[in-house]
Protein backbone atom coordinates (compact mmCIF):
# COMPACT_ATOMS: atom_id res chain seq x y z
CA MET A 1 63.58 -178.51 142.38
CA LEU A 2 60.24 -179.10 144.53
CA ARG A 3 57.08 -179.44 142.27
CA ARG A 4 53.75 -179.74 143.62
CA LEU A 5 50.91 -179.94 141.13
CA LEU A 6 47.36 -180.01 141.81
CA HIS A 7 44.89 -181.59 139.01
CA SER A 8 46.13 -182.69 135.77
CA SER A 9 47.01 -180.31 132.70
CA TRP A 10 44.47 -179.31 130.45
CA LYS A 11 43.95 -177.26 127.13
CA THR A 12 44.28 -173.78 128.07
CA MET A 13 41.17 -171.63 127.57
CA PRO A 14 40.98 -167.72 128.21
CA VAL A 15 40.03 -166.43 131.53
CA THR A 16 39.94 -162.73 132.74
CA ILE A 17 42.46 -161.43 135.20
CA GLU A 18 42.02 -158.11 137.05
CA GLN A 19 44.64 -156.64 139.57
CA PHE A 20 43.27 -154.55 142.61
CA PRO A 21 44.80 -153.01 145.82
CA PHE A 22 44.42 -155.09 149.00
CA GLY A 23 45.72 -152.84 151.36
CA LYS A 24 49.04 -152.08 153.19
CA LEU A 25 51.23 -153.59 155.91
CA PRO A 26 52.08 -151.28 158.79
CA SER A 27 55.43 -150.52 157.22
CA GLY A 28 53.59 -149.08 154.19
CA GLN A 29 54.31 -152.06 151.80
CA GLU A 30 51.34 -152.57 149.26
CA VAL A 31 49.67 -155.82 149.14
CA SER A 32 48.32 -156.72 145.52
CA GLY A 33 45.11 -158.78 144.93
CA PHE A 34 44.08 -160.57 141.83
CA LYS A 35 40.89 -161.78 140.38
CA LEU A 36 40.52 -164.76 137.99
CA ALA A 37 37.13 -165.30 136.43
CA ASN A 38 36.10 -167.82 133.82
CA LYS A 39 33.13 -167.73 131.43
CA ASN A 40 31.05 -170.02 133.99
CA GLY A 41 31.14 -167.23 136.79
CA LEU A 42 33.76 -168.89 138.84
CA GLU A 43 35.94 -166.52 140.47
CA VAL A 44 39.31 -166.97 142.43
CA HIS A 45 40.70 -164.08 144.32
CA LEU A 46 44.16 -164.25 145.23
CA MET A 47 46.59 -161.75 147.14
CA SER A 48 50.57 -161.36 147.42
CA TYR A 49 50.66 -161.38 151.24
CA GLY A 50 51.42 -165.07 151.78
CA ALA A 51 50.73 -165.92 148.10
CA ALA A 52 47.16 -166.82 149.53
CA ILE A 53 43.72 -167.53 148.00
CA LEU A 54 41.40 -164.77 149.17
CA LYS A 55 38.04 -166.17 147.80
CA ILE A 56 36.84 -168.95 145.56
CA LEU A 57 33.26 -167.79 144.56
CA MET A 58 31.49 -170.91 143.24
CA PRO A 59 28.24 -170.77 141.26
CA SER A 60 25.82 -173.51 142.19
CA LYS A 61 23.29 -175.36 140.15
CA GLN A 62 20.43 -173.28 141.58
CA GLY A 63 22.14 -169.93 140.47
CA ARG A 64 23.70 -169.09 143.70
CA VAL A 65 27.24 -167.94 144.13
CA ASP A 66 29.02 -168.81 147.34
CA ASP A 67 32.65 -168.23 148.71
CA VAL A 68 33.70 -171.88 149.74
CA THR A 69 36.74 -170.66 151.43
CA LEU A 70 37.16 -168.91 154.71
CA GLY A 71 38.97 -165.45 154.87
CA PHE A 72 38.60 -161.78 155.62
CA GLU A 73 37.69 -158.75 153.71
CA ASP A 74 40.69 -156.83 154.47
CA ILE A 75 44.33 -157.26 155.11
CA GLU A 76 43.95 -156.26 158.66
CA GLY A 77 42.04 -159.47 159.29
CA TYR A 78 45.19 -161.67 158.09
CA LEU A 79 47.59 -159.54 159.76
CA ASN A 80 45.75 -159.73 163.46
CA LYS A 81 43.63 -162.92 163.32
CA SER A 82 44.41 -165.34 160.55
CA PRO A 83 45.09 -169.02 161.72
CA TYR A 84 46.78 -169.43 158.33
CA PHE A 85 43.85 -169.03 156.15
CA SER A 86 44.76 -169.94 152.59
CA VAL A 87 48.23 -168.88 152.77
CA SER A 88 51.44 -170.76 151.56
CA CYS A 89 53.27 -172.32 154.41
CA GLY A 90 56.92 -173.06 154.52
CA ARG A 91 59.80 -173.62 154.43
CA VAL A 92 58.33 -176.66 156.19
CA ALA A 93 54.60 -176.72 156.70
CA ASN A 94 53.45 -178.60 159.77
CA ARG A 95 55.73 -179.15 162.78
CA ILE A 96 59.35 -179.72 163.22
CA ALA A 97 59.96 -181.38 166.63
CA GLY A 98 61.90 -179.36 169.26
CA GLY A 99 62.67 -176.88 166.43
CA LYS A 100 65.76 -178.89 165.47
CA PHE A 101 66.71 -180.81 162.43
CA THR A 102 70.01 -182.35 161.19
CA VAL A 103 71.20 -182.00 157.54
CA ASP A 104 74.85 -183.66 156.52
CA GLY A 105 75.62 -184.03 159.88
CA LYS A 106 75.02 -180.62 161.03
CA GLU A 107 72.30 -179.63 163.52
CA TYR A 108 70.33 -176.53 162.81
CA SER A 109 67.88 -174.64 165.35
CA LEU A 110 64.85 -173.22 164.26
CA ALA A 111 62.61 -170.23 165.52
CA VAL A 112 60.05 -171.95 167.92
CA ASN A 113 56.50 -170.88 167.67
CA ASN A 114 54.10 -173.61 168.67
CA GLY A 115 54.80 -174.92 171.99
CA PRO A 116 58.30 -176.88 171.88
CA ASN A 117 58.02 -176.90 167.93
CA SER A 118 58.67 -175.00 164.75
CA LEU A 119 55.20 -174.52 162.96
CA HIS A 120 54.63 -173.70 159.21
CA GLY A 121 58.34 -172.13 158.75
CA GLY A 122 58.65 -170.31 162.12
CA ILE A 123 57.64 -166.95 163.68
CA LYS A 124 57.96 -165.47 160.18
CA GLY A 125 57.34 -168.10 157.53
CA PHE A 126 56.29 -167.54 153.86
CA ASP A 127 52.78 -166.72 154.94
CA LYS A 128 53.76 -163.51 156.41
CA ALA A 129 55.82 -162.25 153.36
CA VAL A 130 54.78 -159.94 150.66
CA TRP A 131 55.58 -162.02 147.30
CA GLY A 132 56.43 -160.51 144.13
CA ALA A 133 53.48 -160.94 141.67
CA LYS A 134 52.86 -161.14 137.68
CA GLN A 135 50.24 -162.32 135.49
CA VAL A 136 51.60 -164.75 133.11
CA GLY A 137 49.40 -165.17 130.04
CA GLU A 138 45.65 -165.20 130.01
CA ASP A 139 44.79 -167.47 132.84
CA THR A 140 47.76 -167.50 135.31
CA VAL A 141 49.44 -165.22 138.06
CA VAL A 142 52.71 -166.46 139.59
CA PHE A 143 53.92 -165.16 143.01
CA SER A 144 57.54 -165.38 143.80
CA HIS A 145 59.67 -165.15 147.02
CA VAL A 146 63.17 -165.29 148.08
CA SER A 147 64.16 -166.79 151.56
CA PRO A 148 67.76 -165.99 152.47
CA ASN A 149 70.29 -168.12 154.06
CA GLY A 150 69.55 -168.60 157.54
CA ASP A 151 65.85 -167.52 157.31
CA GLU A 152 64.23 -168.67 160.43
CA GLY A 153 67.11 -170.81 160.96
CA TYR A 154 67.11 -172.96 157.76
CA PRO A 155 70.14 -173.34 155.46
CA GLY A 156 70.44 -172.10 152.04
CA GLU A 157 68.84 -169.37 149.95
CA LEU A 158 65.66 -170.59 148.83
CA SER A 159 64.03 -169.12 145.39
CA LEU A 160 60.42 -170.06 145.23
CA GLU A 161 57.48 -169.65 143.02
CA ALA A 162 53.57 -170.14 143.46
CA GLU A 163 51.65 -170.56 140.16
CA TYR A 164 47.81 -170.29 140.14
CA SER A 165 45.98 -171.00 136.98
CA LEU A 166 42.32 -171.12 136.15
CA ASN A 167 40.39 -172.62 133.03
CA ASP A 168 36.85 -172.84 131.73
CA GLU A 169 36.47 -176.21 133.12
CA ASN A 170 36.39 -174.87 136.73
CA GLN A 171 39.64 -176.36 137.41
CA LEU A 172 42.04 -174.45 139.76
CA SER A 173 45.85 -175.36 139.66
CA LEU A 174 48.15 -174.58 142.04
CA GLU A 175 52.05 -175.55 141.43
CA TYR A 176 55.00 -174.79 143.82
CA ARG A 177 58.69 -174.60 142.27
CA ALA A 178 61.58 -174.18 144.37
CA THR A 179 65.48 -174.25 144.10
CA THR A 180 68.00 -173.91 147.01
CA THR A 181 71.62 -173.05 147.20
CA ALA A 182 72.26 -175.61 149.91
CA ALA A 183 70.44 -178.69 151.19
CA THR A 184 67.45 -177.84 153.43
CA PRO A 185 64.08 -179.28 154.40
CA ILE A 186 61.36 -178.15 152.28
CA ASN A 187 57.60 -178.78 152.28
CA ILE A 188 55.42 -176.29 151.00
CA ALA A 189 51.71 -176.21 151.32
CA ASN A 190 48.51 -174.11 150.70
CA HIS A 191 46.62 -173.92 153.89
CA THR A 192 43.06 -173.13 152.74
CA TYR A 193 40.03 -173.67 155.06
CA PHE A 194 37.04 -175.00 152.88
CA ASN A 195 33.28 -174.88 153.64
CA LEU A 196 31.41 -176.08 150.47
CA LEU A 197 28.16 -174.94 151.95
CA GLY A 198 29.28 -171.34 151.40
CA GLU A 199 30.02 -168.32 153.69
CA ALA A 200 26.55 -168.44 155.31
CA GLY A 201 25.84 -172.00 155.00
CA GLY A 202 26.57 -173.06 158.33
CA THR A 203 29.20 -175.40 159.68
CA VAL A 204 31.37 -178.23 158.04
CA GLU A 205 29.79 -180.76 160.20
CA SER A 206 27.77 -182.37 157.39
CA HIS A 207 31.24 -182.67 155.16
CA GLU A 208 32.39 -186.10 154.30
CA VAL A 209 36.07 -186.54 153.41
CA GLU A 210 37.24 -189.92 151.99
CA VAL A 211 40.94 -190.77 153.07
CA LYS A 212 42.35 -193.48 150.78
CA ALA A 213 44.26 -195.37 153.58
CA ASP A 214 43.55 -198.12 155.98
CA ARG A 215 45.93 -196.70 158.73
CA TYR A 216 46.97 -193.47 160.07
CA LEU A 217 49.96 -192.66 162.34
CA PRO A 218 49.02 -191.20 165.95
CA VAL A 219 50.71 -188.09 167.28
CA ASN A 220 51.91 -187.23 170.73
CA ASP A 221 50.60 -184.55 173.02
CA VAL A 222 52.44 -181.84 170.97
CA GLN A 223 50.94 -183.11 167.69
CA ILE A 224 54.33 -184.74 166.54
CA PRO A 225 54.04 -188.12 164.93
CA THR A 226 55.28 -191.17 167.34
CA GLY A 227 57.17 -192.61 164.31
CA LYS A 228 56.47 -196.18 165.96
CA GLU A 229 55.08 -198.32 163.14
CA GLU A 230 53.57 -200.53 165.87
CA GLN A 231 51.58 -197.50 166.99
CA PHE A 232 49.62 -197.19 163.57
CA CYS A 233 45.92 -197.12 164.05
CA LYS A 234 43.48 -198.79 161.94
CA LEU A 235 41.34 -196.10 159.97
CA THR A 236 37.55 -196.68 160.27
CA ALA A 237 34.49 -194.57 159.40
CA THR A 238 34.56 -192.10 162.01
CA VAL A 239 34.27 -188.45 163.08
CA LEU A 240 37.72 -186.96 163.58
CA ALA A 241 38.37 -183.47 165.13
CA SER A 242 40.20 -181.16 162.80
CA GLU A 243 43.32 -179.52 163.99
CA ASP A 244 46.05 -177.29 162.66
């Protein structure tokens, strides 16, 4: 079982949850939205397409409310333009070199969608699925998805949940849980783009990120780690370009 938990646990306090429609796919399948709000004015908007975060509306000390994530106002933006805005990526987030891997002595070939590599689960990863959705208790929404055996080339049927919770201490929790019927690579990740200045606040060039490491592993020209320890680079205070 995979478990990825962001933030520590806390004493549950009531929030409000509202469900709303967020459009339809070209097939006619409906996409559901959910708004979680706490007593402090913090709102988190979610959607069932990609088990994604639509908005995080954060009140400031000056009384202003800003959306600190990037996204679109309608489902069409996510279908036609989105560079994985705030979605759940998988089965494997990031790249698998050459679209191939070996498990238990058997080589598997994946759908290739990023040069020679498989990126974020392939051509139709979890980000492009409409997940099941339900409210659990007063402060939690759980999305669920089943990836069949052979999906995008991966072995085993994978059952997956993404659980979002909000409390009155302005803590947002996301926990992924997954079980599989066969050995398979899995690395689920949420792909939110943040701008803490808000939607109209300008670029993120003034943001500072602290990486608690003294080295990083460089990648080759198709964004695959070299895997050679002697090529580890010393990490210094510098400006790094952000890439997918």
